PDB file of all heavy atoms in Angstrom:
ATOM      1  N   ASP A   1     106.665 176.077   7.195  1.00  0.00           N
ATOM      2  CA  ASP A   1     107.303 176.981   6.288  1.00  0.00           C
ATOM      3  C   ASP A   1     108.540 177.792   6.946  1.00  0.00           C
ATOM      4  O   ASP A   1     108.519 177.917   8.152  1.00  0.00           O
ATOM      5  CB  ASP A   1     106.228 178.029   5.913  1.00  0.00           C
ATOM      6  CG  ASP A   1     106.590 178.652   4.662  1.00  0.00           C
ATOM      7  OD1 ASP A   1     107.646 178.213   3.850  1.00  0.00           O
ATOM      8  OD2 ASP A   1     105.786 179.645   4.145  1.00  0.00           O
ATOM      9  N   ILE A   2     109.452 178.138   6.214  1.00  0.00           N
ATOM     10  CA  ILE A   2     110.550 178.887   6.632  1.00  0.00           C
ATOM     11  C   ILE A   2     110.747 180.036   5.666  1.00  0.00           C
ATOM     12  O   ILE A   2     110.848 179.752   4.365  1.00  0.00           O
ATOM     13  CB  ILE A   2     111.800 178.065   6.662  1.00  0.00           C
ATOM     14  CG1 ILE A   2     111.632 176.987   7.760  1.00  0.00           C
ATOM     15  CG2 ILE A   2     113.030 178.966   7.131  1.00  0.00           C
ATOM     16  CD1 ILE A   2     112.798 176.002   7.968  1.00  0.00           C
ATOM     17  N   THR A   3     110.611 181.275   6.002  1.00  0.00           N
ATOM     18  CA  THR A   3     110.752 182.428   5.192  1.00  0.00           C
ATOM     19  C   THR A   3     111.728 183.385   5.631  1.00  0.00           C
ATOM     20  O   THR A   3     112.177 183.265   6.790  1.00  0.00           O
ATOM     21  CB  THR A   3     109.308 183.166   5.123  1.00  0.00           C
ATOM     22  OG1 THR A   3     108.923 183.672   6.438  1.00  0.00           O
ATOM     23  CG2 THR A   3     108.098 182.144   4.677  1.00  0.00           C
ATOM     24  N   ILE A   4     112.009 184.458   4.831  1.00  0.00           N
ATOM     25  CA  ILE A   4     112.822 185.572   5.168  1.00  0.00           C
ATOM     26  C   ILE A   4     111.964 186.773   5.208  1.00  0.00           C
ATOM     27  O   ILE A   4     111.250 187.020   4.309  1.00  0.00           O
ATOM     28  CB  ILE A   4     113.946 185.780   4.218  1.00  0.00           C
ATOM     29  CG1 ILE A   4     114.802 184.376   4.103  1.00  0.00           C
ATOM     30  CG2 ILE A   4     114.858 186.904   4.523  1.00  0.00           C
ATOM     31  CD1 ILE A   4     115.868 184.500   3.043  1.00  0.00           C
ATOM     32  N   SER A   5     111.996 187.545   6.369  1.00  0.00           N
ATOM     33  CA  SER A   5     111.118 188.731   6.445  1.00  0.00           C
ATOM     34  C   SER A   5     111.765 189.837   5.613  1.00  0.00           C
ATOM     35  O   SER A   5     112.750 189.815   5.093  1.00  0.00           O
ATOM     36  CB  SER A   5     111.074 189.151   7.911  1.00  0.00           C
ATOM     37  OG  SER A   5     112.296 189.728   8.336  1.00  0.00           O
ATOM     38  N   GLN A   6     110.903 190.931   5.480  1.00  0.00           N
ATOM     39  CA  GLN A   6     111.368 192.148   4.651  1.00  0.00           C
ATOM     40  C   GLN A   6     112.637 192.681   5.372  1.00  0.00           C
ATOM     41  O   GLN A   6     113.484 193.234   4.676  1.00  0.00           O
ATOM     42  CB  GLN A   6     110.200 193.104   4.636  1.00  0.00           C
ATOM     43  CG  GLN A   6     109.029 192.755   3.964  1.00  0.00           C
ATOM     44  CD  GLN A   6     109.174 192.780   2.370  1.00  0.00           C
ATOM     45  OE1 GLN A   6     110.050 193.350   1.849  1.00  0.00           O
ATOM     46  NE2 GLN A   6     108.250 192.249   1.711  1.00  0.00           N
ATOM     47  N   ALA A   7     112.674 192.600   6.652  1.00  0.00           N
ATOM     48  CA  ALA A   7     113.924 193.118   7.495  1.00  0.00           C
ATOM     49  C   ALA A   7     115.110 192.033   7.348  1.00  0.00           C
ATOM     50  O   ALA A   7     116.248 192.420   7.819  1.00  0.00           O
ATOM     51  CB  ALA A   7     113.528 193.205   8.878  1.00  0.00           C
ATOM     52  N   GLY A   8     114.884 190.919   6.738  1.00  0.00           N
ATOM     53  CA  GLY A   8     116.010 190.061   6.562  1.00  0.00           C
ATOM     54  C   GLY A   8     116.045 189.014   7.644  1.00  0.00           C
ATOM     55  O   GLY A   8     117.081 188.154   7.580  1.00  0.00           O
ATOM     56  N   ASP A   9     115.161 188.907   8.485  1.00  0.00           N
ATOM     57  CA  ASP A   9     115.161 187.838   9.476  1.00  0.00           C
ATOM     58  C   ASP A   9     114.582 186.551   8.964  1.00  0.00           C
ATOM     59  O   ASP A   9     113.664 186.578   8.198  1.00  0.00           O
ATOM     60  CB  ASP A   9     114.360 188.203  10.765  1.00  0.00           C
ATOM     61  CG  ASP A   9     114.733 189.532  11.425  1.00  0.00           C
ATOM     62  OD1 ASP A   9     115.974 189.631  11.694  1.00  0.00           O
ATOM     63  OD2 ASP A   9     113.887 190.376  11.779  1.00  0.00           O
ATOM     64  N   ILE A  10     115.257 185.442   9.364  1.00  0.00           N
ATOM     65  CA  ILE A  10     114.731 184.187   9.024  1.00  0.00           C
ATOM     66  C   ILE A  10     113.636 183.699   9.938  1.00  0.00           C
ATOM     67  O   ILE A  10     113.721 183.686  11.217  1.00  0.00           O
ATOM     68  CB  ILE A  10     115.861 183.083   9.065  1.00  0.00           C
ATOM     69  CG1 ILE A  10     116.850 183.445   7.989  1.00  0.00           C
ATOM     70  CG2 ILE A  10     115.299 181.677   8.722  1.00  0.00           C
ATOM     71  CD1 ILE A  10     118.112 182.628   7.882  1.00  0.00           C
ATOM     72  N   LEU A  11     112.369 183.520   9.448  1.00  0.00           N
ATOM     73  CA  LEU A  11     111.330 183.240  10.189  1.00  0.00           C
ATOM     74  C   LEU A  11     110.837 181.638  10.015  1.00  0.00           C
ATOM     75  O   LEU A  11     110.785 181.273   8.912  1.00  0.00           O
ATOM     76  CB  LEU A  11     110.088 184.012   9.822  1.00  0.00           C
ATOM     77  CG  LEU A  11     110.332 185.474   9.844  1.00  0.00           C
ATOM     78  CD1 LEU A  11     109.159 186.266   9.322  1.00  0.00           C
ATOM     79  CD2 LEU A  11     110.661 185.952  11.274  1.00  0.00           C
ATOM     80  N   ILE A  12     110.556 180.973  11.205  1.00  0.00           N
ATOM     81  CA  ILE A  12     110.119 179.632  11.146  1.00  0.00           C
ATOM     82  C   ILE A  12     108.665 179.709  11.494  1.00  0.00           C
ATOM     83  O   ILE A  12     108.129 180.144  12.555  1.00  0.00           O
ATOM     84  CB  ILE A  12     110.894 178.771  12.275  1.00  0.00           C
ATOM     85  CG1 ILE A  12     112.430 178.915  12.007  1.00  0.00           C
ATOM     86  CG2 ILE A  12     110.361 177.449  12.323  1.00  0.00           C
ATOM     87  CD1 ILE A  12     113.217 178.613  13.112  1.00  0.00           C
ATOM     88  N   LYS A  13     107.887 179.244  10.675  1.00  0.00           N
ATOM     89  CA  LYS A  13     106.329 179.178  10.807  1.00  0.00           C
ATOM     90  C   LYS A  13     106.078 177.745  11.140  1.00  0.00           C
ATOM     91  O   LYS A  13     106.402 176.850  10.449  1.00  0.00           O
ATOM     92  CB  LYS A  13     105.671 179.632   9.540  1.00  0.00           C
ATOM     93  CG  LYS A  13     105.988 181.204   9.257  1.00  0.00           C
ATOM     94  CD  LYS A  13     105.148 181.609   7.992  1.00  0.00           C
ATOM     95  CE  LYS A  13     105.407 183.010   7.703  1.00  0.00           C
ATOM     96  NZ  LYS A  13     104.637 183.529   6.749  1.00  0.00           N
ATOM     97  N   ALA A  14     105.280 177.669  12.245  1.00  0.00           N
ATOM     98  CA  ALA A  14     105.010 176.377  12.757  1.00  0.00           C
ATOM     99  C   ALA A  14     103.727 176.238  13.575  1.00  0.00           C
ATOM    100  O   ALA A  14     103.256 177.247  14.151  1.00  0.00           O
ATOM    101  CB  ALA A  14     106.272 175.866  13.664  1.00  0.00           C
ATOM    102  N   MET A  15     103.219 175.065  13.656  1.00  0.00           N
ATOM    103  CA  MET A  15     102.070 174.806  14.462  1.00  0.00           C
ATOM    104  C   MET A  15     102.683 174.420  15.901  1.00  0.00           C
ATOM    105  O   MET A  15     103.496 173.564  16.128  1.00  0.00           O
ATOM    106  CB  MET A  15     101.193 173.664  14.036  1.00  0.00           C
ATOM    107  CG  MET A  15     100.711 173.934  12.610  1.00  0.00           C
ATOM    108  SD  MET A  15      99.795 175.459  12.362  1.00  0.00           S
ATOM    109  CE  MET A  15      98.320 175.002  13.361  1.00  0.00           C
ATOM    110  N   ASP A  16     101.995 175.081  16.839  1.00  0.00           N
ATOM    111  CA  ASP A  16     102.300 174.731  18.342  1.00  0.00           C
ATOM    112  C   ASP A  16     101.520 173.486  18.728  1.00  0.00           C
ATOM    113  O   ASP A  16     100.385 173.542  18.666  1.00  0.00           O
ATOM    114  CB  ASP A  16     101.978 175.936  19.249  1.00  0.00           C
ATOM    115  CG  ASP A  16     102.439 175.847  20.645  1.00  0.00           C
ATOM    116  OD1 ASP A  16     102.424 174.797  21.136  1.00  0.00           O
ATOM    117  OD2 ASP A  16     102.745 176.940  21.244  1.00  0.00           O
ATOM    118  N   ARG A  17     102.247 172.542  19.167  1.00  0.00           N
ATOM    119  CA  ARG A  17     101.570 171.380  19.721  1.00  0.00           C
ATOM    120  C   ARG A  17     100.570 171.401  20.768  1.00  0.00           C
ATOM    121  O   ARG A  17      99.596 170.804  20.857  1.00  0.00           O
ATOM    122  CB  ARG A  17     102.604 170.226  19.876  1.00  0.00           C
ATOM    123  CG  ARG A  17     103.019 169.373  18.636  1.00  0.00           C
ATOM    124  CD  ARG A  17     103.680 168.113  19.035  1.00  0.00           C
ATOM    125  NE  ARG A  17     103.516 167.373  18.000  1.00  0.00           N
ATOM    126  CZ  ARG A  17     104.126 166.055  17.892  1.00  0.00           C
ATOM    127  NH1 ARG A  17     104.795 165.650  19.001  1.00  0.00           N
ATOM    128  NH2 ARG A  17     104.069 165.297  16.914  1.00  0.00           N
ATOM    129  N   GLU A  18     101.076 172.264  21.710  1.00  0.00           N
ATOM    130  CA  GLU A  18     100.239 172.485  22.944  1.00  0.00           C
ATOM    131  C   GLU A  18      98.846 173.193  22.660  1.00  0.00           C
ATOM    132  O   GLU A  18      97.838 172.809  23.037  1.00  0.00           O
ATOM    133  CB  GLU A  18     101.057 173.286  23.945  1.00  0.00           C
ATOM    134  CG  GLU A  18     100.216 173.390  25.277  1.00  0.00           C
ATOM    135  CD  GLU A  18     101.108 174.052  26.378  1.00  0.00           C
ATOM    136  OE1 GLU A  18     102.344 173.990  26.334  1.00  0.00           O
ATOM    137  OE2 GLU A  18     100.591 174.810  27.209  1.00  0.00           O
ATOM    138  N   THR A  19      98.982 174.219  21.808  1.00  0.00           N
ATOM    139  CA  THR A  19      97.650 175.167  21.667  1.00  0.00           C
ATOM    140  C   THR A  19      97.102 174.727  20.278  1.00  0.00           C
ATOM    141  O   THR A  19      95.924 175.166  20.006  1.00  0.00           O
ATOM    142  CB  THR A  19      98.094 176.550  21.595  1.00  0.00           C
ATOM    143  OG1 THR A  19      99.051 176.798  20.418  1.00  0.00           O
ATOM    144  CG2 THR A  19      98.729 177.129  22.819  1.00  0.00           C
ATOM    145  N   GLY A  20      97.908 174.145  19.280  1.00  0.00           N
ATOM    146  CA  GLY A  20      97.211 173.893  18.006  1.00  0.00           C
ATOM    147  C   GLY A  20      97.301 175.120  17.040  1.00  0.00           C
ATOM    148  O   GLY A  20      96.632 175.008  16.081  1.00  0.00           O
ATOM    149  N   GLU A  21      97.913 176.232  17.518  1.00  0.00           N
ATOM    150  CA  GLU A  21      97.796 177.339  16.733  1.00  0.00           C
ATOM    151  C   GLU A  21      99.166 177.591  15.952  1.00  0.00           C
ATOM    152  O   GLU A  21     100.109 177.103  16.409  1.00  0.00           O
ATOM    153  CB  GLU A  21      97.523 178.566  17.779  1.00  0.00           C
ATOM    154  CG  GLU A  21      96.272 178.569  18.355  1.00  0.00           C
ATOM    155  CD  GLU A  21      96.173 179.749  19.444  1.00  0.00           C
ATOM    156  OE1 GLU A  21      97.108 180.366  19.806  1.00  0.00           O
ATOM    157  OE2 GLU A  21      95.054 179.850  19.954  1.00  0.00           O
ATOM    158  N   SER A  22      98.922 178.390  14.910  1.00  0.00           N
ATOM    159  CA  SER A  22     100.084 178.813  14.181  1.00  0.00           C
ATOM    160  C   SER A  22     100.941 179.862  14.750  1.00  0.00           C
ATOM    161  O   SER A  22     100.443 180.807  15.349  1.00  0.00           O
ATOM    162  CB  SER A  22      99.706 179.292  12.678  1.00  0.00           C
ATOM    163  OG  SER A  22     100.696 179.685  11.984  1.00  0.00           O
ATOM    164  N   ARG A  23     102.298 179.669  14.865  1.00  0.00           N
ATOM    165  CA  ARG A  23     103.205 180.606  15.395  1.00  0.00           C
ATOM    166  C   ARG A  23     104.409 180.859  14.483  1.00  0.00           C
ATOM    167  O   ARG A  23     104.615 179.943  13.616  1.00  0.00           O
ATOM    168  CB  ARG A  23     103.814 180.096  16.763  1.00  0.00           C
ATOM    169  CG  ARG A  23     102.771 179.848  17.856  1.00  0.00           C
ATOM    170  CD  ARG A  23     102.307 181.149  18.574  1.00  0.00           C
ATOM    171  NE  ARG A  23     101.519 180.802  19.689  1.00  0.00           N
ATOM    172  CZ  ARG A  23     100.255 181.388  19.754  1.00  0.00           C
ATOM    173  NH1 ARG A  23      99.890 182.217  18.932  1.00  0.00           N
ATOM    174  NH2 ARG A  23      99.594 181.111  20.941  1.00  0.00           N
ATOM    175  N   THR A  24     104.976 182.077  14.699  1.00  0.00           N
ATOM    176  CA  THR A  24     106.223 182.455  13.917  1.00  0.00           C
ATOM    177  C   THR A  24     107.263 182.623  14.951  1.00  0.00           C
ATOM    178  O   THR A  24     107.138 183.446  15.906  1.00  0.00           O
ATOM    179  CB  THR A  24     105.914 183.613  13.006  1.00  0.00           C
ATOM    180  OG1 THR A  24     104.765 183.264  12.252  1.00  0.00           O
ATOM    181  CG2 THR A  24     107.178 183.990  12.322  1.00  0.00           C
ATOM    182  N   PHE A  25     108.510 182.042  14.648  1.00  0.00           N
ATOM    183  CA  PHE A  25     109.578 182.272  15.571  1.00  0.00           C
ATOM    184  C   PHE A  25     110.836 182.771  14.574  1.00  0.00           C
ATOM    185  O   PHE A  25     111.029 182.229  13.525  1.00  0.00           O
ATOM    186  CB  PHE A  25     110.033 180.903  16.155  1.00  0.00           C
ATOM    187  CG  PHE A  25     108.941 180.315  16.932  1.00  0.00           C
ATOM    188  CD1 PHE A  25     108.132 179.307  16.301  1.00  0.00           C
ATOM    189  CD2 PHE A  25     108.653 180.575  18.133  1.00  0.00           C
ATOM    190  CE1 PHE A  25     107.125 178.763  16.956  1.00  0.00           C
ATOM    191  CE2 PHE A  25     107.624 179.965  18.864  1.00  0.00           C
ATOM    192  CZ  PHE A  25     106.840 179.072  18.298  1.00  0.00           C
ATOM    193  N   ARG A  26     111.562 183.708  15.164  1.00  0.00           N
ATOM    194  CA  ARG A  26     112.807 184.163  14.498  1.00  0.00           C
ATOM    195  C   ARG A  26     113.884 183.270  14.819  1.00  0.00           C
ATOM    196  O   ARG A  26     114.099 182.875  15.896  1.00  0.00           O
ATOM    197  CB  ARG A  26     113.065 185.610  14.916  1.00  0.00           C
ATOM    198  CG  ARG A  26     112.368 186.670  14.346  1.00  0.00           C
ATOM    199  CD  ARG A  26     112.705 188.015  14.563  1.00  0.00           C
ATOM    200  NE  ARG A  26     114.025 188.286  15.079  1.00  0.00           N
ATOM    201  CZ  ARG A  26     114.441 189.354  15.721  1.00  0.00           C
ATOM    202  NH1 ARG A  26     113.535 190.374  15.989  1.00  0.00           N
ATOM    203  NH2 ARG A  26     115.691 189.541  16.145  1.00  0.00           N
ATOM    204  N   LEU A  27     114.734 182.884  13.729  1.00  0.00           N
ATOM    205  CA  LEU A  27     115.788 181.910  13.944  1.00  0.00           C
ATOM    206  C   LEU A  27     116.812 182.383  14.990  1.00  0.00           C
ATOM    207  O   LEU A  27     117.403 181.643  15.868  1.00  0.00           O
ATOM    208  CB  LEU A  27     116.484 181.632  12.666  1.00  0.00           C
ATOM    209  CG  LEU A  27     117.715 180.603  12.700  1.00  0.00           C
ATOM    210  CD1 LEU A  27     117.219 179.281  13.078  1.00  0.00           C
ATOM    211  CD2 LEU A  27     118.484 180.607  11.326  1.00  0.00           C
ATOM    212  N   ASP A  28     117.042 183.677  14.944  1.00  0.00           N
ATOM    213  CA  ASP A  28     118.072 184.263  15.826  1.00  0.00           C
ATOM    214  C   ASP A  28     117.723 184.430  17.303  1.00  0.00           C
ATOM    215  O   ASP A  28     118.559 184.541  18.081  1.00  0.00           O
ATOM    216  CB  ASP A  28     118.417 185.667  15.366  1.00  0.00           C
ATOM    217  CG  ASP A  28     117.360 186.743  15.404  1.00  0.00           C
ATOM    218  OD1 ASP A  28     116.259 186.326  15.004  1.00  0.00           O
ATOM    219  OD2 ASP A  28     117.502 187.863  15.737  1.00  0.00           O
ATOM    220  N   ARG A  29     116.411 183.998  17.664  1.00  0.00           N
ATOM    221  CA  ARG A  29     115.946 184.015  18.963  1.00  0.00           C
ATOM    222  C   ARG A  29     115.876 182.666  19.480  1.00  0.00           C
ATOM    223  O   ARG A  29     115.601 182.404  20.727  1.00  0.00           O
ATOM    224  CB  ARG A  29     114.611 184.608  19.068  1.00  0.00           C
ATOM    225  CG  ARG A  29     114.631 186.192  18.906  1.00  0.00           C
ATOM    226  CD  ARG A  29     113.182 186.721  19.022  1.00  0.00           C
ATOM    227  NE  ARG A  29     113.126 188.157  18.817  1.00  0.00           N
ATOM    228  CZ  ARG A  29     113.082 188.942  19.913  1.00  0.00           C
ATOM    229  NH1 ARG A  29     113.026 188.551  21.120  1.00  0.00           N
ATOM    230  NH2 ARG A  29     113.127 190.302  19.674  1.00  0.00           N
ATOM    231  N   LEU A  30     116.281 181.554  18.603  1.00  0.00           N
ATOM    232  CA  LEU A  30     116.291 180.159  19.156  1.00  0.00           C
ATOM    233  C   LEU A  30     117.581 180.115  20.010  1.00  0.00           C
ATOM    234  O   LEU A  30     118.662 180.510  19.691  1.00  0.00           O
ATOM    235  CB  LEU A  30     116.317 179.200  18.005  1.00  0.00           C
ATOM    236  CG  LEU A  30     115.166 178.559  17.643  1.00  0.00           C
ATOM    237  CD1 LEU A  30     114.033 179.413  17.141  1.00  0.00           C
ATOM    238  CD2 LEU A  30     115.367 177.448  16.682  1.00  0.00           C
ATOM    239  N   ILE A  31     117.336 179.422  21.342  1.00  0.00           N
ATOM    240  CA  ILE A  31     118.509 179.159  22.252  1.00  0.00           C
ATOM    241  C   ILE A  31     118.910 177.859  21.983  1.00  0.00           C
ATOM    242  O   ILE A  31     120.187 177.459  21.849  1.00  0.00           O
ATOM    243  CB  ILE A  31     118.102 179.508  23.602  1.00  0.00           C
ATOM    244  CG1 ILE A  31     117.722 180.921  23.686  1.00  0.00           C
ATOM    245  CG2 ILE A  31     119.136 179.029  24.651  1.00  0.00           C
ATOM    246  CD1 ILE A  31     117.023 181.207  24.993  1.00  0.00           C
ATOM    247  N   SER A  32     118.055 176.831  21.985  1.00  0.00           N
ATOM    248  CA  SER A  32     118.357 175.332  21.686  1.00  0.00           C
ATOM    249  C   SER A  32     117.212 174.654  21.140  1.00  0.00           C
ATOM    250  O   SER A  32     115.990 175.188  21.023  1.00  0.00           O
ATOM    251  CB  SER A  32     118.783 174.757  23.098  1.00  0.00           C
ATOM    252  OG  SER A  32     117.689 174.815  23.953  1.00  0.00           O
ATOM    253  N   TYR A  33     117.429 173.557  20.572  1.00  0.00           N
ATOM    254  CA  TYR A  33     116.367 172.797  20.027  1.00  0.00           C
ATOM    255  C   TYR A  33     116.637 171.282  20.036  1.00  0.00           C
ATOM    256  O   TYR A  33     117.869 170.793  19.980  1.00  0.00           O
ATOM    257  CB  TYR A  33     116.184 173.222  18.499  1.00  0.00           C
ATOM    258  CG  TYR A  33     117.304 173.003  17.597  1.00  0.00           C
ATOM    259  CD1 TYR A  33     117.352 171.947  16.771  1.00  0.00           C
ATOM    260  CD2 TYR A  33     118.326 173.836  17.616  1.00  0.00           C
ATOM    261  CE1 TYR A  33     118.454 171.667  15.978  1.00  0.00           C
ATOM    262  CE2 TYR A  33     119.389 173.645  16.711  1.00  0.00           C
ATOM    263  CZ  TYR A  33     119.385 172.654  15.940  1.00  0.00           C
ATOM    264  OH  TYR A  33     120.530 172.366  15.142  1.00  0.00           O
ATOM    265  N   THR A  34     115.677 170.455  19.872  1.00  0.00           N
ATOM    266  CA  THR A  34     115.785 168.966  19.792  1.00  0.00           C
ATOM    267  C   THR A  34     114.821 168.550  18.632  1.00  0.00           C
ATOM    268  O   THR A  34     113.627 168.927  18.797  1.00  0.00           O
ATOM    269  CB  THR A  34     115.451 168.351  21.176  1.00  0.00           C
ATOM    270  OG1 THR A  34     116.227 168.738  22.143  1.00  0.00           O
ATOM    271  CG2 THR A  34     115.459 166.923  20.992  1.00  0.00           C
ATOM    272  N   VAL A  35     115.347 167.828  17.669  1.00  0.00           N
ATOM    273  CA  VAL A  35     114.496 167.361  16.634  1.00  0.00           C
ATOM    274  C   VAL A  35     114.014 165.839  17.099  1.00  0.00           C
ATOM    275  O   VAL A  35     114.843 165.015  17.529  1.00  0.00           O
ATOM    276  CB  VAL A  35     115.206 167.181  15.277  1.00  0.00           C
ATOM    277  CG1 VAL A  35     114.373 166.584  14.197  1.00  0.00           C
ATOM    278  CG2 VAL A  35     115.824 168.594  14.841  1.00  0.00           C
ATOM    279  N   HIS A  36     112.755 165.666  17.052  1.00  0.00           N
ATOM    280  CA  HIS A  36     112.212 164.327  17.451  1.00  0.00           C
ATOM    281  C   HIS A  36     112.092 163.415  16.219  1.00  0.00           C
ATOM    282  O   HIS A  36     112.050 163.891  15.178  1.00  0.00           O
ATOM    283  CB  HIS A  36     110.909 164.537  18.214  1.00  0.00           C
ATOM    284  CG  HIS A  36     110.870 165.421  19.357  1.00  0.00           C
ATOM    285  ND1 HIS A  36     111.523 164.981  20.534  1.00  0.00           N
ATOM    286  CD2 HIS A  36     110.594 166.801  19.561  1.00  0.00           C
ATOM    287  CE1 HIS A  36     111.475 166.073  21.398  1.00  0.00           C
ATOM    288  NE2 HIS A  36     110.904 167.118  20.822  1.00  0.00           N
ATOM    289  N   ARG A  37     111.850 162.169  16.448  1.00  0.00           N
ATOM    290  CA  ARG A  37     111.789 161.219  15.444  1.00  0.00           C
ATOM    291  C   ARG A  37     110.395 160.835  15.227  1.00  0.00           C
ATOM    292  O   ARG A  37     110.083 159.751  14.492  1.00  0.00           O
ATOM    293  CB  ARG A  37     112.572 160.028  15.679  1.00  0.00           C
ATOM    294  CG  ARG A  37     114.123 160.301  15.839  1.00  0.00           C
ATOM    295  CD  ARG A  37     114.620 160.636  14.491  1.00  0.00           C
ATOM    296  NE  ARG A  37     116.133 160.810  14.569  1.00  0.00           N
ATOM    297  CZ  ARG A  37     116.763 161.713  13.755  1.00  0.00           C
ATOM    298  NH1 ARG A  37     116.004 162.332  12.897  1.00  0.00           N
ATOM    299  NH2 ARG A  37     118.020 162.016  13.938  1.00  0.00           N
ATOM    300  N   THR A  38     109.352 161.454  15.854  1.00  0.00           N
ATOM    301  CA  THR A  38     107.999 161.135  15.643  1.00  0.00           C
ATOM    302  C   THR A  38     107.438 161.808  14.528  1.00  0.00           C
ATOM    303  O   THR A  38     108.086 162.626  13.866  1.00  0.00           O
ATOM    304  CB  THR A  38     107.227 161.561  16.976  1.00  0.00           C
ATOM    305  OG1 THR A  38     107.470 162.839  17.255  1.00  0.00           O
ATOM    306  CG2 THR A  38     107.707 160.624  18.068  1.00  0.00           C
TER     307      THR A  38
END
């Protein structure tokens, strides 16, 4: 899921592959990323 917070931040909701837990990340805190084909 991708949402916008009440404060206007874009939030990325995702499952962490290592822990299997749900996590939320702010788009403005991403430094780099790689999209995989799996």
